Structures are given as structure tokens and as C-alpha cells.
Amino acid sequence: MKRTMMAFLLFATIAAAQSSGYPTRPNGTTNWITDLADVIEPGERAKVNEIARDLLRDKQIPIIVVTVPGLQGQSVGRFATTLFDTWEIGSAKRNYGMLLLVATGDRRARIELGAAGGRSGDSDARRIMDTLIIPRFKAGDYSVGVLEGVRGLDAMARGGALPSPARPGWWWPLWIGGGLLAVGTIASVMRSGNDGWG
């Protein structure tokens, strides 16, 4: 009787989530993304799916990415927790699932982790959000921000060091231009034989 009641409660939770406009879970075999906000570009989508596929194969840890236009009046924490529990991300024996939720209209994002990760994963998740995801989002680049976040989650799940933030497109031209300016200044000083500024 107890098992039947638990099954009924689970079904009721899923039905309520679906009827209240929650997104449909991606299949988790070829696609790990539900992009209702339509912000993930094809290139980043392919890379995210590749990372998620390899991590599931190697560590049996799923990463699911969800973008939505809004949170329907809920807090980002409640929305993410409901999705995580309803979709049963991870397995009962290995509750190491990872969910990256982005609500573009509400300007909110959250990383939800399975209970097996313990409190130790919270600090890494915060670092991923603060250093890899949010700076990209603030620049309006949701697609790369999602990819950077998934790369961070992948490193976290594998026990490796978190990746450094990707350099923006202007980074290398700036350094190259600065280097050329420095070389030109030095050459000017040497050619004129004067001290001080070239």
C-alpha cells in the first residue's frame, strides 16, 4: 500500500508540474538541453551535448540544461528543485545529477545538485556561477555562458580543477596591439637615442 501511495504521489507531482507549464525533460540520450528561451546557439548546443554525453558515459552523472523565459512567479530555487525532483535527475542509487537552470526574463540562474554531492559541491557551484556563467550573461552572451557553466560542472563532476573563464573576443587583439605598441615605443626610443617617452 505504501509503495502504491508513493507511486501515486510521484505521478501527481509530475502531472502537476506538467500542467503548470514546466518544461518537458530532454531525452538524455542524444539531447540534454531544453532551451525554451531560445538562447543557445547551434555550436554551443553541440558542445554541451557532447560534454553531457561523455560525462554520463564515464561517470554516470547527468547534466541537464534548461532555459526558460520566466519562473512563473516562483523563486529560482523552488523552480529548480521542482524540476530536479520531478525529472528525477540522477538515479536513486547515484544521486549525483546536475541541473543548470537559466530564466532569462527574470535574470536568474541556479545550479541544482543531487544530494549525494553533499555540501562540498555548493562552493564549487557558486564559483562556477560567479566566474564562468554570470560574467557572460551580463555581457548578453547566454549561449557561451551556458557552455562555460557546463564545462565547469563537468570538471567538478570529474574531480578536476575548475576551468578558467574563456577570454572575450577582444582579449588577444588587445594584447597583440599592446605588444606592438610597446615594441614600437622601444624602437622609437632606441632610434632617437633619447631617454624617456618615445
Protein backbone atom coordinates (compact mmCIF):
# COMPACT_ATOMS: atom_id res chain seq x y z
CA MET A 1 0.00 0.00 0.00
CA LYS A 2 2.80 2.34 0.90
CA ARG A 3 4.55 1.71 -2.42
CA THR A 4 1.31 2.37 -4.31
CA MET A 5 0.79 5.63 -2.41
CA MET A 6 4.37 6.75 -3.18
CA ALA A 7 3.85 5.94 -6.85
CA PHE A 8 0.59 7.90 -6.84
CA LEU A 9 2.24 10.90 -5.17
CA LEU A 10 5.08 10.84 -7.69
CA PHE A 11 2.61 10.68 -10.58
CA ALA A 12 0.62 13.54 -9.06
CA THR A 13 3.76 15.65 -8.71
CA ILE A 14 4.73 15.02 -12.32
CA ALA A 15 1.22 15.73 -13.58
CA ALA A 16 1.06 18.96 -11.57
CA ALA A 17 4.43 20.09 -12.91
CA GLN A 18 3.43 19.37 -16.49
CA SER A 19 0.03 21.06 -16.17
CA SER A 20 1.57 24.17 -14.60
CA GLY A 21 3.72 24.86 -17.61
CA TYR A 22 7.00 23.29 -16.58
CA PRO A 23 9.22 22.30 -19.50
CA THR A 24 9.49 18.81 -20.90
CA ARG A 25 12.64 16.94 -19.97
CA PRO A 26 15.16 16.34 -22.77
CA ASN A 27 15.66 12.69 -23.68
CA GLY A 28 19.10 12.39 -22.03
CA THR A 29 20.50 10.11 -24.71
CA THR A 30 21.18 12.47 -27.61
CA ASN A 31 19.99 15.75 -26.10
CA TRP A 32 20.48 17.20 -22.61
CA ILE A 33 19.08 20.66 -23.30
CA THR A 34 15.61 22.20 -23.08
CA ASP A 35 16.03 25.72 -24.48
CA LEU A 36 12.62 27.38 -24.16
CA ALA A 37 14.23 30.83 -24.03
CA ASP A 38 15.92 30.11 -27.38
CA VAL A 39 19.33 31.48 -26.37
CA ILE A 40 21.69 28.57 -27.06
CA GLU A 41 23.36 28.70 -30.47
CA PRO A 42 23.89 25.50 -32.52
CA GLY A 43 27.66 25.43 -31.92
CA GLU A 44 27.34 25.68 -28.15
CA ARG A 45 24.41 23.27 -28.16
CA ALA A 46 26.53 20.62 -29.87
CA LYS A 47 29.38 21.12 -27.40
CA VAL A 48 27.09 20.98 -24.36
CA ASN A 49 25.51 17.76 -25.59
CA GLU A 50 28.93 16.26 -26.25
CA ILE A 51 30.15 17.10 -22.73
CA ALA A 52 26.95 15.77 -21.15
CA ARG A 53 27.10 12.57 -23.21
CA ASP A 54 30.72 11.86 -22.28
CA LEU A 55 30.18 12.58 -18.59
CA LEU A 56 27.16 10.28 -18.43
CA ARG A 57 29.16 7.55 -20.16
CA ASP A 58 32.27 7.98 -18.00
CA LYS A 59 30.81 8.82 -14.57
CA GLN A 60 27.08 8.03 -14.80
CA ILE A 61 26.39 11.66 -13.84
CA PRO A 62 23.78 13.51 -15.91
CA ILE A 63 23.95 17.23 -16.63
CA ILE A 64 20.67 18.78 -17.76
CA VAL A 65 20.41 22.37 -19.05
CA VAL A 66 17.11 24.25 -19.03
CA THR A 67 16.45 27.80 -20.18
CA VAL A 68 13.04 29.41 -19.69
CA PRO A 69 11.73 32.91 -20.38
CA GLY A 70 10.42 33.25 -16.81
CA LEU A 71 9.84 31.48 -13.49
CA GLN A 72 6.04 31.86 -13.41
CA GLY A 73 6.17 33.83 -10.18
CA GLN A 74 8.25 31.25 -8.33
CA SER A 75 11.68 31.64 -6.80
CA VAL A 76 14.53 30.25 -8.87
CA GLY A 77 15.31 27.81 -6.06
CA ARG A 78 11.81 26.35 -5.93
CA PHE A 79 11.55 26.14 -9.71
CA ALA A 80 14.90 24.33 -9.97
CA THR A 81 14.16 21.96 -7.09
CA THR A 82 10.75 21.04 -8.53
CA LEU A 83 12.29 20.30 -11.91
CA PHE A 84 15.14 18.30 -10.39
CA ASP A 85 12.84 16.17 -8.25
CA THR A 86 10.11 15.75 -10.86
CA TRP A 87 12.54 14.71 -13.56
CA GLU A 88 14.47 12.52 -11.08
CA ILE A 89 17.82 13.71 -12.40
CA GLY A 90 20.30 11.05 -11.40
CA SER A 91 19.32 7.64 -10.05
CA ALA A 92 18.14 6.53 -6.63
CA LYS A 93 21.46 4.73 -6.09
CA ARG A 94 23.63 7.53 -7.54
CA ASN A 95 22.02 10.86 -6.78
CA TYR A 96 24.78 12.90 -8.44
CA GLY A 97 22.69 14.67 -11.05
CA MET A 98 23.29 18.30 -12.07
CA LEU A 99 20.79 20.85 -13.35
CA LEU A 100 21.66 24.26 -14.78
CA LEU A 101 18.53 26.43 -14.90
CA VAL A 102 18.51 29.85 -16.59
CA ALA A 103 15.50 32.18 -16.52
CA THR A 104 16.36 34.96 -18.95
CA GLY A 105 13.36 37.21 -18.33
CA ASP A 106 13.83 37.13 -14.56
CA ARG A 107 17.63 37.39 -14.84
CA ARG A 108 18.08 34.41 -12.57
CA ALA A 109 20.15 31.24 -12.83
CA ARG A 110 20.73 28.31 -10.50
CA ILE A 111 22.78 25.15 -10.31
CA GLU A 112 20.90 22.34 -8.57
CA LEU A 113 22.91 19.33 -7.40
CA GLY A 114 21.88 15.85 -6.29
CA ALA A 115 22.04 15.14 -2.57
CA ALA A 116 24.95 12.72 -2.99
CA GLY A 117 27.22 15.63 -3.86
CA GLY A 118 26.98 16.91 -0.28
CA ARG A 119 27.75 20.44 0.84
CA SER A 120 31.22 20.31 -0.69
CA GLY A 121 29.71 20.82 -4.13
CA ASP A 122 27.95 24.05 -3.14
CA SER A 123 31.12 26.16 -3.06
CA ASP A 124 32.25 24.85 -6.45
CA ALA A 125 28.79 25.52 -7.89
CA ARG A 126 28.94 29.09 -6.56
CA ARG A 127 32.37 29.59 -8.16
CA ILE A 128 31.11 28.23 -11.47
CA MET A 129 28.17 30.61 -11.34
CA ASP A 130 30.22 33.66 -10.28
CA THR A 131 33.27 33.22 -12.52
CA LEU A 132 32.09 31.28 -15.58
CA ILE A 133 28.38 31.91 -16.06
CA ILE A 134 27.31 35.30 -14.73
CA PRO A 135 30.05 37.39 -16.42
CA ARG A 136 28.94 36.01 -19.79
CA PHE A 137 25.29 36.58 -19.01
CA LYS A 138 25.99 40.18 -18.01
CA ALA A 139 27.65 40.66 -21.39
CA GLY A 140 24.48 39.30 -23.04
CA ASP A 141 26.12 36.07 -24.21
CA TYR A 142 23.84 33.41 -22.76
CA SER A 143 24.96 30.73 -25.18
CA VAL A 144 28.64 30.85 -24.22
CA GLY A 145 27.72 31.34 -20.56
CA VAL A 146 25.77 28.09 -20.59
CA LEU A 147 28.64 26.27 -22.29
CA GLU A 148 31.17 27.65 -19.80
CA GLY A 149 28.91 26.59 -16.94
CA VAL A 150 28.60 23.07 -18.30
CA ARG A 151 32.37 22.85 -18.70
CA GLY A 152 32.72 23.86 -15.07
CA LEU A 153 30.16 21.27 -13.95
CA ASP A 154 31.96 18.62 -15.97
CA ALA A 155 35.28 19.44 -14.29
CA MET A 156 33.56 19.45 -10.90
CA ALA A 157 31.97 16.04 -11.53
CA ARG A 158 35.31 14.58 -12.62
CA GLY A 159 37.14 15.95 -9.58
CA GLY A 160 39.39 18.24 -11.63
CA ALA A 161 40.25 21.91 -11.33
CA LEU A 162 37.57 24.29 -12.50
CA PRO A 163 38.40 25.85 -15.87
CA SER A 164 39.44 29.47 -16.15
CA PRO A 165 36.95 31.84 -17.76
CA ALA A 166 37.23 31.95 -21.54
CA ARG A 167 38.85 35.10 -22.86
CA PRO A 168 36.48 37.50 -24.62
CA GLY A 169 36.98 38.06 -28.35
CA TRP A 170 38.79 41.37 -27.84
CA TRP A 171 41.35 39.89 -25.40
CA TRP A 172 44.02 38.70 -27.82
CA PRO A 173 43.80 41.65 -30.23
CA LEU A 174 44.22 43.93 -27.21
CA TRP A 175 47.34 42.10 -26.05
CA ILE A 176 48.78 41.91 -29.55
CA GLY A 177 48.11 45.61 -30.10
CA GLY A 178 49.67 46.45 -26.73
CA GLY A 179 52.71 44.35 -27.57
CA LEU A 180 53.17 46.04 -30.94
CA LEU A 181 52.83 49.45 -29.29
CA ALA A 182 55.48 48.54 -26.71
CA VAL A 183 57.86 47.28 -29.39
CA GLY A 184 57.30 50.44 -31.46
CA THR A 185 57.94 52.66 -28.44
CA ILE A 186 61.18 50.84 -27.61
CA ALA A 187 62.32 51.04 -31.24
CA SER A 188 61.49 54.75 -31.34
CA VAL A 189 63.50 55.44 -28.18
CA MET A 190 66.46 53.45 -29.44
CA ARG A 191 66.39 55.11 -32.85
CA SER A 192 66.22 58.66 -31.46
CA GLY A 193 68.74 57.99 -28.72
CA ASN A 194 66.63 59.91 -26.22
CA ASP A 195 65.64 58.85 -22.77
CA GLY A 196 62.08 58.93 -21.53
CA TRP A 197 58.92 58.55 -23.61
CA GLY A 198 59.24 57.61 -27.26
